[in-house]
Protein backbone atom coordinates (compact mmCIF):
# COMPACT_ATOMS: atom_id res chain seq x y z
CA MET A 1 -51.82 247.24 34.63
CA SER A 2 -55.43 246.20 35.15
CA GLU A 3 -58.38 248.00 33.56
CA LYS A 4 -59.59 249.00 37.02
CA GLN A 5 -56.24 250.64 37.84
CA ARG A 6 -56.17 252.41 34.48
CA GLU A 7 -59.57 253.93 35.19
CA LEU A 8 -58.19 255.59 38.32
CA TRP A 9 -55.85 257.90 36.44
CA ILE A 10 -55.72 259.72 33.12
CA ASN A 11 -53.13 261.56 31.07
CA ILE A 12 -53.25 265.35 30.95
CA LEU A 13 -51.35 267.80 28.77
CA PRO A 14 -49.02 270.39 30.31
CA GLU A 15 -51.21 273.13 28.82
CA ASP A 16 -54.19 271.75 30.76
CA VAL A 17 -52.17 271.76 33.98
CA GLU A 18 -51.22 275.38 33.34
CA LYS A 19 -54.93 276.21 32.89
CA MET A 20 -55.75 274.42 36.16
CA LEU A 21 -53.13 276.55 37.90
CA GLU A 22 -54.52 279.75 36.38
CA ASP A 23 -58.02 278.77 37.51
CA LYS A 24 -56.64 278.15 41.01
CA GLY A 25 -58.47 274.86 41.25
CA ASN A 26 -58.41 272.71 44.36
CA PHE A 27 -55.82 270.13 43.39
CA GLN A 28 -52.35 269.03 44.45
CA LEU A 29 -49.31 268.87 42.22
CA ILE A 30 -46.78 266.14 43.03
CA ASP A 31 -43.31 266.22 41.45
CA VAL A 32 -41.72 262.75 41.50
CA ARG A 33 -38.30 263.75 40.16
CA GLU A 34 -35.17 263.69 42.30
CA VAL A 35 -34.11 266.60 44.52
CA ASP A 36 -31.49 268.01 42.13
CA GLU A 37 -33.98 268.01 39.23
CA TYR A 38 -36.60 269.76 41.38
CA LYS A 39 -34.10 272.39 42.52
CA ALA A 40 -33.13 273.08 38.90
CA GLY A 41 -36.71 274.21 38.23
CA HIS A 42 -40.20 273.11 39.18
CA ILE A 43 -43.78 274.23 38.80
CA LYS A 44 -44.75 276.68 41.54
CA GLY A 45 -46.63 274.90 44.29
CA ALA A 46 -45.41 271.43 43.34
CA VAL A 47 -44.65 269.16 46.28
CA LEU A 48 -41.53 267.06 45.87
CA ILE A 49 -41.98 263.35 46.59
CA PRO A 50 -39.33 261.52 44.56
CA LEU A 51 -40.50 258.27 42.99
CA SER A 52 -37.78 256.51 44.98
CA GLN A 53 -39.54 257.62 48.21
CA LEU A 54 -43.15 257.20 47.11
CA ASP A 55 -43.59 253.85 48.85
CA VAL A 56 -42.92 255.45 52.25
CA ARG A 57 -44.40 258.90 51.57
CA HIS A 58 -47.59 258.19 49.60
CA PHE A 59 -49.62 258.86 52.75
CA GLU A 60 -48.67 262.56 52.39
CA ILE A 61 -50.89 262.78 49.31
CA ASP A 62 -54.49 263.75 50.10
CA ARG A 63 -56.75 261.07 48.60
CA ASP A 64 -59.70 263.47 48.55
CA LYS A 65 -58.03 265.96 46.21
CA GLU A 66 -57.46 265.75 42.51
CA THR A 67 -53.75 264.98 42.06
CA VAL A 68 -51.51 265.89 39.13
CA VAL A 69 -48.24 263.95 38.98
CA VAL A 70 -45.25 265.31 37.06
CA CYS A 71 -41.68 264.18 36.29
CA ARG A 72 -39.08 265.00 33.64
CA SER A 73 -40.62 263.27 30.61
CA GLY A 74 -43.69 261.34 31.81
CA GLY A 75 -42.20 257.93 32.58
CA ARG A 76 -41.76 258.23 36.33
CA SER A 77 -45.08 260.01 36.72
CA THR A 78 -46.78 257.11 34.92
CA LYS A 79 -45.13 254.67 37.35
CA ALA A 80 -46.20 256.90 40.26
CA CYS A 81 -49.82 256.90 39.04
CA GLU A 82 -49.74 253.12 38.70
CA TYR A 83 -48.34 252.77 42.22
CA LEU A 84 -50.74 255.26 43.77
CA SER A 85 -53.76 253.69 42.09
CA SER A 86 -52.66 250.30 43.45
CA ARG A 87 -52.70 251.89 46.92
CA GLY A 88 -56.28 253.11 46.53
CA HIS A 89 -55.69 256.62 45.23
CA SER A 90 -58.00 257.89 42.52
CA ARG A 91 -58.53 261.28 40.83
CA LEU A 92 -54.96 261.02 39.49
CA LYS A 93 -53.68 262.84 36.41
CA ASN A 94 -50.34 262.10 34.76
CA MET A 95 -48.81 265.15 33.04
CA THR A 96 -47.65 263.75 29.70
CA GLY A 97 -44.25 264.83 28.45
CA GLY A 98 -43.30 266.06 31.92
CA MET A 99 -41.18 269.13 32.51
CA LEU A 100 -39.59 268.73 29.08
CA ASN A 101 -42.92 269.88 27.61
CA TRP A 102 -43.77 272.46 30.29
CA LYS A 103 -43.94 275.96 28.82
CA GLY A 104 -45.19 277.74 31.95
CA GLU A 105 -43.22 279.45 34.66
CA THR A 106 -40.93 277.57 37.00
CA GLU A 107 -39.28 278.47 40.25
């Protein structure tokens, strides 16, 4: 990954994402897990775009909004941030530890 790409996204802790949700900030939450994982429990308001579909669905993500990307453990969300930054997205945040570290409510 190039330095320029790395500058386009940062890591964020699950606790910080929970605070963002409480503050009702203007951001989008993208869950890149697979459908069955999402159905088993996801963060309220998260939009499901599986990593396997990101190449054909990345246009659904608003480039003007801050974007938090989440997966099960942080690996797929890192790949998603790398891919999205290569497609010109910025203001990306990767939720480290993924849903395994999420302590907040799920639906």
